C-alpha atoms as a PDB file:
ATOM      1  CA  MET A   1      63.394 184.006  78.262  1.00  0.00           C
ATOM      2  CA  SER A   2      67.119 183.766  78.763  1.00  0.00           C
ATOM      3  CA  GLU A   3      69.653 182.199  81.040  1.00  0.00           C
ATOM      4  CA  THR A   4      72.870 183.700  82.211  1.00  0.00           C
ATOM      5  CA  GLY A   5      75.906 181.484  82.257  1.00  0.00           C
ATOM      6  CA  SER A   6      79.242 182.061  83.905  1.00  0.00           C
ATOM      7  CA  GLY A   7      82.740 182.048  82.506  1.00  0.00           C
ATOM      8  CA  ALA A   8      84.467 183.960  79.735  1.00  0.00           C
ATOM      9  CA  GLY A   9      81.912 185.353  77.328  1.00  0.00           C
ATOM     10  CA  MET A  10      79.017 183.573  79.016  1.00  0.00           C
ATOM     11  CA  ASP A  11      77.827 186.338  81.361  1.00  0.00           C
ATOM     12  CA  VAL A  12      75.224 187.244  78.768  1.00  0.00           C
ATOM     13  CA  PRO A  13      71.787 185.861  77.969  1.00  0.00           C
ATOM     14  CA  LEU A  14      71.635 182.809  75.741  1.00  0.00           C
ATOM     15  CA  GLU A  15      68.761 183.780  73.474  1.00  0.00           C
ATOM     16  CA  ALA A  16      67.063 180.912  71.682  1.00  0.00           C
ATOM     17  CA  GLY A  17      67.393 182.605  68.278  1.00  0.00           C
ATOM     18  CA  ARG A  18      71.164 182.891  68.491  1.00  0.00           C
ATOM     19  CA  VAL A  19      71.521 179.354  69.821  1.00  0.00           C
ATOM     20  CA  LYS A  20      69.254 178.100  67.027  1.00  0.00           C
ATOM     21  CA  LEU A  21      71.269 179.775  64.261  1.00  0.00           C
ATOM     22  CA  ARG A  22      74.635 178.753  65.641  1.00  0.00           C
ATOM     23  CA  LEU A  23      73.632 175.180  66.442  1.00  0.00           C
ATOM     24  CA  ASN A  24      72.165 174.734  62.970  1.00  0.00           C
ATOM     25  CA  ALA A  25      75.401 176.083  61.469  1.00  0.00           C
ATOM     26  CA  LEU A  26      77.287 173.329  63.310  1.00  0.00           C
ATOM     27  CA  PHE A  27      74.838 170.643  62.214  1.00  0.00           C
ATOM     28  CA  ASP A  28      75.100 171.880  58.617  1.00  0.00           C
ATOM     29  CA  GLY A  29      78.849 172.429  58.607  1.00  0.00           C
ATOM     30  CA  VAL A  30      80.431 169.644  60.644  1.00  0.00           C
ATOM     31  CA  GLU A  31      80.625 166.102  59.362  1.00  0.00           C
ATOM     32  CA  ASN A  32      80.441 163.007  61.500  1.00  0.00           C
ATOM     33  CA  PRO A  33      83.801 161.318  60.828  1.00  0.00           C
ATOM     34  CA  ALA A  34      82.148 157.905  61.129  1.00  0.00           C
ATOM     35  CA  THR A  35      79.653 158.571  58.330  1.00  0.00           C
ATOM     36  CA  GLY A  36      81.167 161.387  56.250  1.00  0.00           C
ATOM     37  CA  ARG A  37      77.811 163.185  56.470  1.00  0.00           C
ATOM     38  CA  PRO A  38      76.570 166.003  58.690  1.00  0.00           C
ATOM     39  CA  TYR A  39      75.614 164.878  62.179  1.00  0.00           C
ATOM     40  CA  THR A  40      72.016 163.852  62.808  1.00  0.00           C
ATOM     41  CA  VAL A  41      70.049 164.733  65.916  1.00  0.00           C
ATOM     42  CA  PRO A  42      70.091 161.096  67.142  1.00  0.00           C
ATOM     43  CA  GLU A  43      73.887 160.936  66.715  1.00  0.00           C
ATOM     44  CA  VAL A  44      74.430 164.114  68.718  1.00  0.00           C
ATOM     45  CA  ALA A  45      71.929 163.003  71.355  1.00  0.00           C
ATOM     46  CA  SER A  46      73.726 159.688  71.748  1.00  0.00           C
ATOM     47  CA  ALA A  47      77.146 161.341  71.943  1.00  0.00           C
ATOM     48  CA  THR A  48      76.153 164.081  74.401  1.00  0.00           C
ATOM     49  CA  GLY A  49      73.433 162.537  76.536  1.00  0.00           C
ATOM     50  CA  ILE A  50      71.092 165.400  75.640  1.00  0.00           C
ATOM     51  CA  SER A  51      67.641 164.196  74.651  1.00  0.00           C
ATOM     52  CA  GLU A  52      66.698 164.233  70.976  1.00  0.00           C
ATOM     53  CA  SER A  53      63.659 166.366  71.771  1.00  0.00           C
ATOM     54  CA  ALA A  54      65.786 168.973  73.570  1.00  0.00           C
ATOM     55  CA  ILE A  55      68.194 169.160  70.629  1.00  0.00           C
ATOM     56  CA  ARG A  56      65.322 169.483  68.156  1.00  0.00           C
ATOM     57  CA  GLN A  57      63.799 172.274  70.270  1.00  0.00           C
ATOM     58  CA  LEU A  58      67.144 174.105  70.294  1.00  0.00           C
ATOM     59  CA  LYS A  59      67.497 173.667  66.519  1.00  0.00           C
ATOM     60  CA  GLN A  60      63.977 175.054  66.030  1.00  0.00           C
ATOM     61  CA  GLY A  61      64.463 177.905  68.495  1.00  0.00           C
ATOM     62  CA  SER A  62      61.523 176.773  70.614  1.00  0.00           C
ATOM     63  CA  LYS A  63      63.650 176.002  73.689  1.00  0.00           C
ATOM     64  CA  PRO A  64      64.287 179.482  75.094  1.00  0.00           C
ATOM     65  CA  ASN A  65      66.518 178.571  78.034  1.00  0.00           C
ATOM     66  CA  PRO A  66      69.278 176.085  77.259  1.00  0.00           C
ATOM     67  CA  THR A  67      71.201 175.229  80.387  1.00  0.00           C
ATOM     68  CA  LEU A  68      74.878 176.022  80.605  1.00  0.00           C
ATOM     69  CA  LYS A  69      75.538 172.277  80.833  1.00  0.00           C
ATOM     70  CA  THR A  70      73.668 171.737  77.539  1.00  0.00           C
ATOM     71  CA  VAL A  71      75.662 174.503  75.862  1.00  0.00           C
ATOM     72  CA  GLU A  72      78.917 173.005  77.186  1.00  0.00           C
ATOM     73  CA  LEU A  73      78.010 169.479  75.994  1.00  0.00           C
ATOM     74  CA  LEU A  74      77.118 170.706  72.518  1.00  0.00           C
ATOM     75  CA  ALA A  75      80.238 172.872  72.272  1.00  0.00           C
ATOM     76  CA  ASP A  76      82.452 169.973  73.380  1.00  0.00           C
ATOM     77  CA  HIS A  77      80.823 167.602  70.910  1.00  0.00           C
ATOM     78  CA  PHE A  78      81.306 169.925  67.935  1.00  0.00           C
ATOM     79  CA  GLY A  79      84.791 171.003  68.992  1.00  0.00           C
ATOM     80  CA  VAL A  80      84.033 174.658  69.660  1.00  0.00           C
ATOM     81  CA  LYS A  81      84.340 176.787  72.783  1.00  0.00           C
ATOM     82  CA  LYS A  82      81.148 177.396  74.718  1.00  0.00           C
ATOM     83  CA  ASP A  83      81.606 181.076  73.845  1.00  0.00           C
ATOM     84  CA  TYR A  84      80.550 180.094  70.323  1.00  0.00           C
ATOM     85  CA  PHE A  85      76.954 180.346  71.546  1.00  0.00           C
ATOM     86  CA  SER A  86      77.356 183.680  73.368  1.00  0.00           C
ATOM     87  CA  LYS A  87      76.611 187.102  71.959  1.00  0.00           C
ATOM     88  CA  GLU A  88      80.203 188.039  72.754  1.00  0.00           C
ATOM     89  CA  MET A  89      81.228 186.153  69.612  1.00  0.00           C
ATOM     90  CA  SER A  90      80.385 188.123  66.490  1.00  0.00           C
ATOM     91  CA  GLY A  91      78.624 186.615  63.524  1.00  0.00           C
ATOM     92  CA  ALA A  92      81.814 186.979  61.480  1.00  0.00           C
ATOM     93  CA  ASP A  93      83.752 185.032  64.114  1.00  0.00           C
ATOM     94  CA  VAL A  94      81.071 182.328  64.087  1.00  0.00           C
ATOM     95  CA  ASP A  95      81.405 182.103  60.303  1.00  0.00           C
ATOM     96  CA  ARG A  96      85.189 181.710  60.659  1.00  0.00           C
ATOM     97  CA  VAL A  97      84.763 178.955  63.263  1.00  0.00           C
ATOM     98  CA  VAL A  98      82.388 176.994  61.033  1.00  0.00           C
ATOM     99  CA  ALA A  99      84.619 177.534  57.974  1.00  0.00           C
ATOM    100  CA  GLY A 100      87.600 176.308  59.991  1.00  0.00           C
ATOM    101  CA  LEU A 101      85.732 173.180  61.048  1.00  0.00           C
ATOM    102  CA  LYS A 102      84.759 172.502  57.432  1.00  0.00           C
ATOM    103  CA  LEU A 103      88.370 172.993  56.343  1.00  0.00           C
ATOM    104  CA  LEU A 104      89.560 170.515  58.971  1.00  0.00           C
ATOM    105  CA  ASP A 105      87.073 167.952  57.651  1.00  0.00           C
ATOM    106  CA  VAL A 106      88.385 168.432  54.105  1.00  0.00           C
ATOM    107  CA  LEU A 107      92.013 168.202  55.235  1.00  0.00           C
ATOM    108  CA  GLU A 108      91.332 165.033  57.218  1.00  0.00           C
ATOM    109  CA  LYS A 109      89.626 163.423  54.215  1.00  0.00           C
ATOM    110  CA  ALA A 110      92.604 164.308  52.039  1.00  0.00           C
ATOM    111  CA  GLY A 111      95.031 163.053  54.676  1.00  0.00           C
ATOM    112  CA  VAL A 112      96.981 166.302  54.732  1.00  0.00           C
ATOM    113  CA  GLU A 113      95.954 167.891  58.029  1.00  0.00           C
ATOM    114  CA  ASP A 114      99.473 167.389  59.411  1.00  0.00           C
ATOM    115  CA  VAL A 115     100.906 169.491  56.566  1.00  0.00           C
ATOM    116  CA  PHE A 116      98.769 172.442  57.573  1.00  0.00           C
ATOM    117  CA  ALA A 117      99.388 171.917  61.275  1.00  0.00           C
ATOM    118  CA  ARG A 118     103.120 172.157  60.628  1.00  0.00           C
ATOM    119  CA  ALA A 119     102.694 175.143  58.298  1.00  0.00           C
ATOM    120  CA  GLY A 120     101.802 177.286  61.312  1.00  0.00           C
ATOM    121  CA  GLU A 121     105.460 177.210  62.306  1.00  0.00           C
ATOM    122  CA  LEU A 122     106.597 178.801  59.034  1.00  0.00           C
ATOM    123  CA  SER A 123     107.591 182.433  58.621  1.00  0.00           C
ATOM    124  CA  VAL A 124     105.255 184.910  56.951  1.00  0.00           C
ATOM    125  CA  ASP A 125     107.397 184.854  53.789  1.00  0.00           C
ATOM    126  CA  SER A 126     107.269 181.063  53.620  1.00  0.00           C
ATOM    127  CA  MET A 127     103.492 181.124  54.136  1.00  0.00           C
ATOM    128  CA  ARG A 128     103.188 183.552  51.215  1.00  0.00           C
ATOM    129  CA  MET A 129     105.203 181.134  49.088  1.00  0.00           C
ATOM    130  CA  VAL A 130     102.887 178.254  50.070  1.00  0.00           C
ATOM    131  CA  ALA A 131      99.860 180.423  49.225  1.00  0.00           C
ATOM    132  CA  ALA A 132     101.371 181.186  45.808  1.00  0.00           C
ATOM    133  CA  VAL A 133     101.881 177.468  45.140  1.00  0.00           C
ATOM    134  CA  ILE A 134      98.253 176.775  46.068  1.00  0.00           C
ATOM    135  CA  ARG A 135      97.024 179.580  43.770  1.00  0.00           C
ATOM    136  CA  SER A 136      99.152 178.143  40.960  1.00  0.00           C
ATOM    137  CA  ALA A 137      97.793 174.626  41.529  1.00  0.00           C
ATOM    138  CA  ARG A 138      94.200 175.934  41.539  1.00  0.00           C
ATOM    139  CA  LYS A 139      94.845 177.758  38.257  1.00  0.00           C
ATOM    140  CA  ALA A 140      96.379 174.616  36.718  1.00  0.00           C
ATOM    141  CA  GLU A 141      93.265 172.659  37.677  1.00  0.00           C
ATOM    142  CA  GLY A 142      90.938 175.286  36.221  1.00  0.00           C
ATOM    143  CA  LEU A 143      89.654 176.448  39.598  1.00  0.00           C
ATOM    144  CA  ASP A 144      89.066 180.064  40.529  1.00  0.00           C
ATOM    145  CA  ALA A 145      92.145 181.989  41.590  1.00  0.00           C
ATOM    146  CA  ASP A 146      90.757 182.961  45.019  1.00  0.00           C
END
């Protein structure tokens, strides 16, 4: 019922239930830049070379043994490490990965992704100042403070 892969974090079974949940999180959370909508199964199949039926079976959890190559193709397509599908990555880490991908989509749409890429070079004190400015802007626009 499981397959063992090799490489960092992949020496563990790839249970269909975990793959199902994590793959669906990517389908729900990552937008196709060409359409501005979440990816469809045909789009992912076309981009990866994985059959539509295989992707649907993975999304439904009915394909119990995804190959390592399938996991790698899906991870590459969605911009995550193949470890994303392993049990070595906690659910909280998976949530952070998906949230990060969603944030990148928002930043790209707003045309400000370079601002945040460069912010990583700032000191902790400067990052706190930037965070304070963002909180102030959210308050001015009537958005929640957090």
